[in-house]
Amino acid sequence: MMMAAGLHVGARAQGTTTAALTNGAGFYRFKLGDFTCMVISDGQSTGGNTFPNWGANPGRQEEFGKVLQANFIPIEPFTNNFNPMVIDTGKNKVLIDTGRGGTNGQLLQNLRNAGLTPADIDTVFITHGHGDHIGGMTDAAGASVFANAKLVMGQQEYDFWASQNNAGFNRNIVPFKDRFTFVKDGDEIVPGLTAVHTPGHTAGHMAVLATSGTNKLMHFGDAGGHFLLSLMFPDHYLGFDSNPENATATRKKIFEMAANERMMVVGYHYAWPGVGNIRKKDAAYEFVPTFFRF
C-alpha cells in the first residue's frame, strides 16, 4: 500500500494526472454551497466488542447493548470507520485529518480514486493527536506525505501531546513543527473554514466549521462520539475520552448548534460516509444520514 502511494506521488511530480472514479469508490463527494466536500475513507477496522470503549459508562452497557441490537448494530464484532475529509473551497484544498497511515491506512488510495494526490492538498488540519488521525502524515521512511501543505492544529492540543513523549506524535507531528500554524477557537484555517474548540475527547480537540453562503457544515472529528449512543444518551461518553464530563458537555453544545442551525455534520467514526444532519428527538438527538447520491 505504501509503495503504491509513493510511486503515485512520484508520478504526479512528473506531470501525470489521475481521473476520479464514481462517487462511492472509497470517497463521497457532495456540495456545500460553492464548496466541494469529499469524505475520503481511510477504511474500516472490524473486531472485538463494542464495549467498553464505545460505551464506557459503568452500569449502562446492558441498556446500551439493547439499543444497539434494536437498531440492527452488532455488539460484536464492532466495525469502526475512519472518515477524513477534503474541502475544496475553490481557492484551497483542505484535508481534515490524515488517517492511520501504514499498511492499514487507505486514505492515499481513496484520495486517488477521488482524482486527487497529496500534492493537490495545500492545507492539512489536525483535529487532535490520536494515532488514527495523524498516522498518515508520514510515509514508511518518515518523510512528509503532504509536502506542499500548510499544517494547522490547535496550540493547546500540540502543547499537550508534545509534553507526553508519545512515539506516534513525535514521529508524525513534532518533526514538522516549523510548518505548523497553531490556532485557537474561532481562528480562520483558510477563508470559509474556522477552528472550533471542542474539548473533552482530548484536552485541545478542535472541530472544523465550513461556511459557504448560508450553508454550514461541521466536521466533528471525534467530538461527535458514537453516531447512535452519544446522541440518544447525552450523558454517554467513550472509553477514549480523556475528560468524560467535558466531552459530554461539548457534544450537547455541538449537537444543539447543528440541530438549531440545520447544518450538515460529519463524524470521523460515524457509519460510512458519516455525513448527515442532527435533529432533536425527545430530550436527546438523532443523527439523520444524508441520502447517498452517486
Protein backbone atom coordinates (compact mmCIF):
# COMPACT_ATOMS: atom_id res chain seq x y z
CA MET A 1 0.00 0.00 0.00
CA MET A 2 2.68 2.47 0.98
CA MET A 3 4.86 1.58 -2.02
CA ALA A 4 1.97 2.23 -4.37
CA ALA A 5 1.34 5.57 -2.68
CA GLY A 6 4.96 6.55 -3.08
CA LEU A 7 5.00 5.60 -6.74
CA HIS A 8 1.90 7.67 -7.33
CA VAL A 9 3.33 10.76 -5.67
CA GLY A 10 6.43 10.44 -7.83
CA ALA A 11 4.36 10.06 -10.98
CA ARG A 12 2.34 13.15 -10.07
CA ALA A 13 5.52 15.17 -9.68
CA GLN A 14 6.42 14.23 -13.26
CA GLY A 15 3.15 15.68 -14.54
CA THR A 16 0.77 12.74 -14.86
CA THR A 17 -2.85 13.18 -13.81
CA THR A 18 -5.46 10.94 -12.24
CA ALA A 19 -9.14 10.64 -13.11
CA ALA A 20 -11.81 10.40 -10.43
CA LEU A 21 -13.84 7.20 -10.16
CA THR A 22 -17.56 7.00 -9.49
CA ASN A 23 -18.77 8.59 -6.26
CA GLY A 24 -18.68 5.90 -3.60
CA ALA A 25 -15.39 4.28 -4.62
CA GLY A 26 -13.79 4.94 -1.25
CA PHE A 27 -14.94 8.57 -1.20
CA TYR A 28 -18.18 10.54 -1.05
CA ARG A 29 -18.38 13.86 -2.88
CA PHE A 30 -21.12 16.44 -2.30
CA LYS A 31 -21.66 20.20 -2.47
CA LEU A 32 -21.85 22.74 0.33
CA GLY A 33 -22.84 25.97 -1.35
CA ASP A 34 -19.89 26.78 -3.62
CA PHE A 35 -17.59 24.33 -1.81
CA THR A 36 -16.95 20.76 -2.91
CA CYS A 37 -16.65 18.35 0.00
CA MET A 38 -15.21 14.85 -0.17
CA VAL A 39 -15.18 12.35 2.68
CA ILE A 40 -12.14 10.20 1.92
CA SER A 41 -12.38 6.83 3.63
CA ASP A 42 -9.32 5.60 5.47
CA GLY A 43 -11.03 2.21 5.60
CA GLN A 44 -12.54 0.22 8.43
CA SER A 45 -11.37 -1.96 11.28
CA THR A 46 -13.51 -4.84 12.46
CA GLY A 47 -13.07 -6.93 15.56
CA GLY A 48 -13.68 -7.08 19.25
CA ASN A 49 -16.65 -5.92 21.27
CA THR A 50 -18.39 -2.54 21.19
CA PHE A 51 -17.91 -2.28 24.94
CA PRO A 52 -16.32 -0.80 26.90
CA ASN A 53 -14.50 1.63 24.57
CA TRP A 54 -17.58 2.88 22.72
CA GLY A 55 -19.96 2.57 25.66
CA ALA A 56 -17.75 3.06 28.66
CA ASN A 57 -20.39 4.27 31.10
CA PRO A 58 -20.39 1.85 34.06
CA GLY A 59 -23.72 0.18 34.70
CA ARG A 60 -25.18 1.29 31.35
CA GLN A 61 -23.73 -1.32 29.00
CA GLU A 62 -26.70 -3.69 29.13
CA GLU A 63 -29.04 -0.78 28.33
CA PHE A 64 -26.77 0.45 25.55
CA GLY A 65 -26.46 -3.08 24.16
CA LYS A 66 -30.23 -3.42 23.85
CA VAL A 67 -30.37 -0.10 21.97
CA LEU A 68 -27.66 -1.21 19.55
CA GLN A 69 -29.44 -4.51 18.90
CA ALA A 70 -32.77 -2.74 18.41
CA ASN A 71 -31.06 -0.60 15.75
CA PHE A 72 -29.53 -3.64 14.00
CA ILE A 73 -25.97 -2.77 15.07
CA PRO A 74 -23.98 -5.82 16.20
CA ILE A 75 -22.24 -5.53 19.52
CA GLU A 76 -19.63 -8.00 18.36
CA PRO A 77 -17.71 -7.72 16.15
CA PHE A 78 -17.50 -3.94 16.27
CA THR A 79 -16.79 -2.14 12.99
CA ASN A 80 -15.06 1.22 13.18
CA ASN A 81 -14.93 3.73 10.31
CA PHE A 82 -12.27 6.37 9.69
CA ASN A 83 -13.54 9.42 7.80
CA PRO A 84 -11.00 12.12 6.93
CA MET A 85 -12.33 14.83 4.64
CA VAL A 86 -11.21 17.20 1.88
CA ILE A 87 -12.95 20.56 1.47
CA ASP A 88 -12.24 22.33 -1.82
CA THR A 89 -13.22 25.98 -1.40
CA GLY A 90 -12.18 26.89 -4.94
CA LYS A 91 -9.06 28.56 -3.54
CA ASN A 92 -7.85 25.93 -1.10
CA LYS A 93 -7.97 22.15 -0.80
CA VAL A 94 -8.02 21.37 2.90
CA LEU A 95 -7.59 17.86 4.30
CA ILE A 96 -9.09 17.30 7.75
CA ASP A 97 -7.01 14.57 9.47
CA THR A 98 -4.75 12.07 7.74
CA GLY A 99 -5.98 8.66 8.89
CA ARG A 100 -3.98 5.76 10.25
CA GLY A 101 -1.15 5.57 7.73
CA GLY A 102 0.94 2.43 7.38
CA THR A 103 -0.43 -0.79 5.88
CA ASN A 104 -3.94 -0.25 7.34
CA GLY A 105 -4.49 3.25 6.03
CA GLN A 106 -6.46 3.61 2.79
CA LEU A 107 -6.52 7.42 2.57
CA LEU A 108 -3.99 7.76 -0.25
CA GLN A 109 -5.64 5.15 -2.46
CA ASN A 110 -9.08 6.66 -1.97
CA LEU A 111 -7.71 10.16 -2.47
CA ARG A 112 -6.51 8.98 -5.88
CA ASN A 113 -9.92 7.43 -6.53
CA ALA A 114 -11.39 10.89 -5.97
CA GLY A 115 -9.00 12.35 -8.55
CA LEU A 116 -6.57 13.92 -6.08
CA THR A 117 -3.00 13.35 -4.94
CA PRO A 118 -1.14 14.54 -1.83
CA ALA A 119 0.46 17.26 -3.97
CA ASP A 120 -3.01 18.77 -4.52
CA ILE A 121 -3.58 19.35 -0.80
CA ASP A 122 -2.45 22.84 0.26
CA THR A 123 -3.65 22.72 3.88
CA VAL A 124 -3.82 19.87 6.41
CA PHE A 125 -5.83 20.42 9.59
CA ILE A 126 -5.35 18.05 12.53
CA THR A 127 -8.30 17.78 14.93
CA HIS A 128 -6.26 16.06 17.65
CA GLY A 129 -3.22 13.92 18.30
CA HIS A 130 -4.58 10.36 18.36
CA GLY A 131 -2.79 7.96 16.04
CA ASP A 132 -5.73 7.27 13.73
CA HIS A 133 -5.80 10.98 12.87
CA ILE A 134 -2.09 11.70 12.45
CA GLY A 135 -0.67 8.38 11.22
CA GLY A 136 -0.97 9.36 7.55
CA MET A 137 1.22 12.45 7.95
CA THR A 138 4.38 10.49 7.09
CA ASP A 139 5.40 7.60 4.83
CA ALA A 140 7.31 4.48 5.83
CA ALA A 141 10.60 6.42 5.79
CA GLY A 142 9.23 9.21 7.98
CA ALA A 143 9.01 11.72 5.14
CA SER A 144 6.12 14.19 4.89
CA VAL A 145 3.29 12.83 2.71
CA PHE A 146 1.71 16.26 2.22
CA ALA A 147 4.91 18.11 1.47
CA ASN A 148 3.21 21.09 -0.23
CA ALA A 149 0.68 21.73 2.54
CA LYS A 150 0.47 24.27 5.30
CA LEU A 151 -0.11 22.35 8.54
CA VAL A 152 -2.63 23.59 11.10
CA MET A 153 -3.73 22.38 14.53
CA GLY A 154 -4.74 23.78 17.89
CA GLN A 155 -2.00 25.23 20.05
CA GLN A 156 -3.37 23.60 23.21
CA GLU A 157 -3.55 20.20 21.54
CA TYR A 158 0.00 20.42 20.21
CA ASP A 159 1.39 21.56 23.56
CA PHE A 160 -0.28 18.68 25.39
CA TRP A 161 1.00 15.92 23.12
CA ALA A 162 4.45 17.45 22.79
CA SER A 163 4.76 17.13 26.59
CA GLN A 164 3.81 13.42 26.59
CA ASN A 165 6.80 11.90 24.77
CA ASN A 166 4.32 9.99 22.59
CA ALA A 167 6.08 7.95 19.89
CA GLY A 168 3.43 8.47 17.21
CA PHE A 169 3.19 12.19 17.82
CA ASN A 170 6.96 12.52 17.90
CA ARG A 171 7.23 10.76 14.54
CA ASN A 172 4.30 12.29 12.68
CA ILE A 173 3.94 15.81 14.07
CA VAL A 174 6.96 17.11 16.00
CA PRO A 175 9.46 16.95 13.09
CA PHE A 176 7.23 19.37 11.14
CA LYS A 177 6.64 21.89 13.92
CA ASP A 178 8.09 24.74 11.87
CA ARG A 179 5.47 24.16 9.17
CA PHE A 180 2.55 24.37 11.59
CA THR A 181 0.25 27.29 12.16
CA PHE A 182 -1.23 26.95 15.65
CA VAL A 183 -4.78 28.19 16.16
CA LYS A 184 -7.30 28.76 18.91
CA ASP A 185 -11.09 28.76 18.99
CA GLY A 186 -12.64 30.86 16.22
CA ASP A 187 -9.46 31.29 14.20
CA GLU A 188 -9.59 31.03 10.42
CA ILE A 189 -7.94 27.95 8.89
CA VAL A 190 -8.47 29.22 5.34
CA PRO A 191 -11.24 31.58 4.16
CA GLY A 192 -14.54 29.81 4.85
CA LEU A 193 -13.16 27.32 7.39
CA THR A 194 -12.95 28.04 11.12
CA ALA A 195 -11.44 26.09 14.02
CA VAL A 196 -13.91 25.24 16.82
CA HIS A 197 -12.63 24.33 20.29
CA THR A 198 -14.37 21.05 21.21
CA PRO A 199 -12.55 19.73 24.31
CA GLY A 200 -13.14 16.53 26.23
CA HIS A 201 -12.16 13.77 23.86
CA THR A 202 -8.71 15.29 24.22
CA ALA A 203 -7.78 18.46 26.08
CA GLY A 204 -7.47 20.66 22.99
CA HIS A 205 -9.57 18.82 20.41
CA MET A 206 -10.83 21.03 17.57
CA ALA A 207 -13.62 20.57 15.04
CA VAL A 208 -13.92 22.43 11.73
CA LEU A 209 -16.82 24.68 10.75
CA ALA A 210 -17.16 25.27 7.00
CA THR A 211 -19.38 28.11 5.75
CA SER A 212 -20.30 28.83 2.13
CA GLY A 213 -23.01 31.46 1.81
CA THR A 214 -25.85 30.37 4.08
CA ASN A 215 -24.68 26.75 4.06
CA LYS A 216 -22.78 25.31 7.02
CA LEU A 217 -21.08 22.03 7.83
CA MET A 218 -19.17 20.92 10.89
CA HIS A 219 -16.66 18.10 10.77
CA PHE A 220 -16.83 16.89 14.34
CA GLY A 221 -13.59 14.93 14.35
CA ASP A 222 -14.05 12.70 17.40
CA ALA A 223 -16.05 15.31 19.31
CA GLY A 224 -19.22 13.73 17.88
CA GLY A 225 -18.70 10.46 19.74
CA HIS A 226 -20.77 7.45 18.65
CA PHE A 227 -23.35 8.10 15.92
CA LEU A 228 -26.15 6.44 17.91
CA LEU A 229 -25.34 6.22 21.62
CA SER A 230 -23.84 9.69 22.04
CA LEU A 231 -26.94 11.29 20.52
CA MET A 232 -29.59 9.16 22.22
CA PHE A 233 -27.90 9.41 25.62
CA PRO A 234 -26.46 12.91 26.22
CA ASP A 235 -24.51 11.62 29.24
CA HIS A 236 -22.84 8.86 27.18
CA TYR A 237 -19.06 9.02 26.86
CA LEU A 238 -16.35 6.97 25.19
CA GLY A 239 -13.57 5.00 26.79
CA PHE A 240 -11.25 7.11 24.62
CA ASP A 241 -12.49 10.42 26.10
CA SER A 242 -9.79 11.96 28.28
CA ASN A 243 -12.34 14.03 30.22
CA PRO A 244 -15.84 12.49 30.09
CA GLU A 245 -17.55 15.48 31.73
CA ASN A 246 -16.08 17.90 29.21
CA ALA A 247 -16.72 15.50 26.32
CA THR A 248 -20.43 15.18 27.07
CA ALA A 249 -20.80 18.95 27.59
CA THR A 250 -19.10 19.57 24.25
CA ARG A 251 -21.36 17.07 22.47
CA LYS A 252 -24.50 18.66 23.84
CA LYS A 253 -23.24 22.04 22.64
CA ILE A 254 -22.36 20.99 19.10
CA PHE A 255 -25.44 18.77 18.70
CA GLU A 256 -27.67 21.66 19.78
CA MET A 257 -25.87 24.01 17.39
CA ALA A 258 -26.17 21.58 14.49
CA ALA A 259 -29.86 20.95 15.16
CA ASN A 260 -30.80 24.60 15.61
CA GLU A 261 -28.87 25.78 12.55
CA ARG A 262 -29.80 22.75 10.40
CA MET A 263 -26.15 22.40 9.41
CA MET A 264 -24.64 19.31 7.86
CA VAL A 265 -22.24 17.30 10.01
CA VAL A 266 -19.54 14.68 9.51
CA GLY A 267 -18.40 12.29 12.22
CA TYR A 268 -14.93 10.79 11.94
CA HIS A 269 -16.11 7.41 13.25
CA TYR A 270 -19.73 7.58 12.11
CA ALA A 271 -21.11 4.89 9.80
CA TRP A 272 -19.71 5.47 6.30
CA PRO A 273 -19.74 8.05 4.82
CA GLY A 274 -20.52 9.78 8.11
CA VAL A 275 -22.45 12.67 6.52
CA GLY A 276 -25.84 13.84 7.73
CA ASN A 277 -27.79 16.20 9.94
CA ILE A 278 -28.69 16.33 13.62
CA ARG A 279 -32.25 16.74 14.80
CA LYS A 280 -33.75 16.91 18.26
CA LYS A 281 -35.64 13.86 19.44
CA ASP A 282 -37.42 13.91 22.80
CA ALA A 283 -34.82 15.06 25.33
CA ALA A 284 -31.92 14.00 23.14
CA TYR A 285 -30.84 13.97 19.49
CA GLU A 286 -30.75 11.82 16.38
CA PHE A 287 -28.30 11.56 13.50
CA VAL A 288 -30.04 11.52 10.12
CA PRO A 289 -27.75 10.18 7.36
CA THR A 290 -27.61 12.07 4.09
CA PHE A 291 -29.27 10.31 1.16
CA PHE A 292 -26.34 8.81 -0.74
CA ARG A 293 -26.07 10.17 -4.28
CA PHE A 294 -23.77 8.54 -6.81
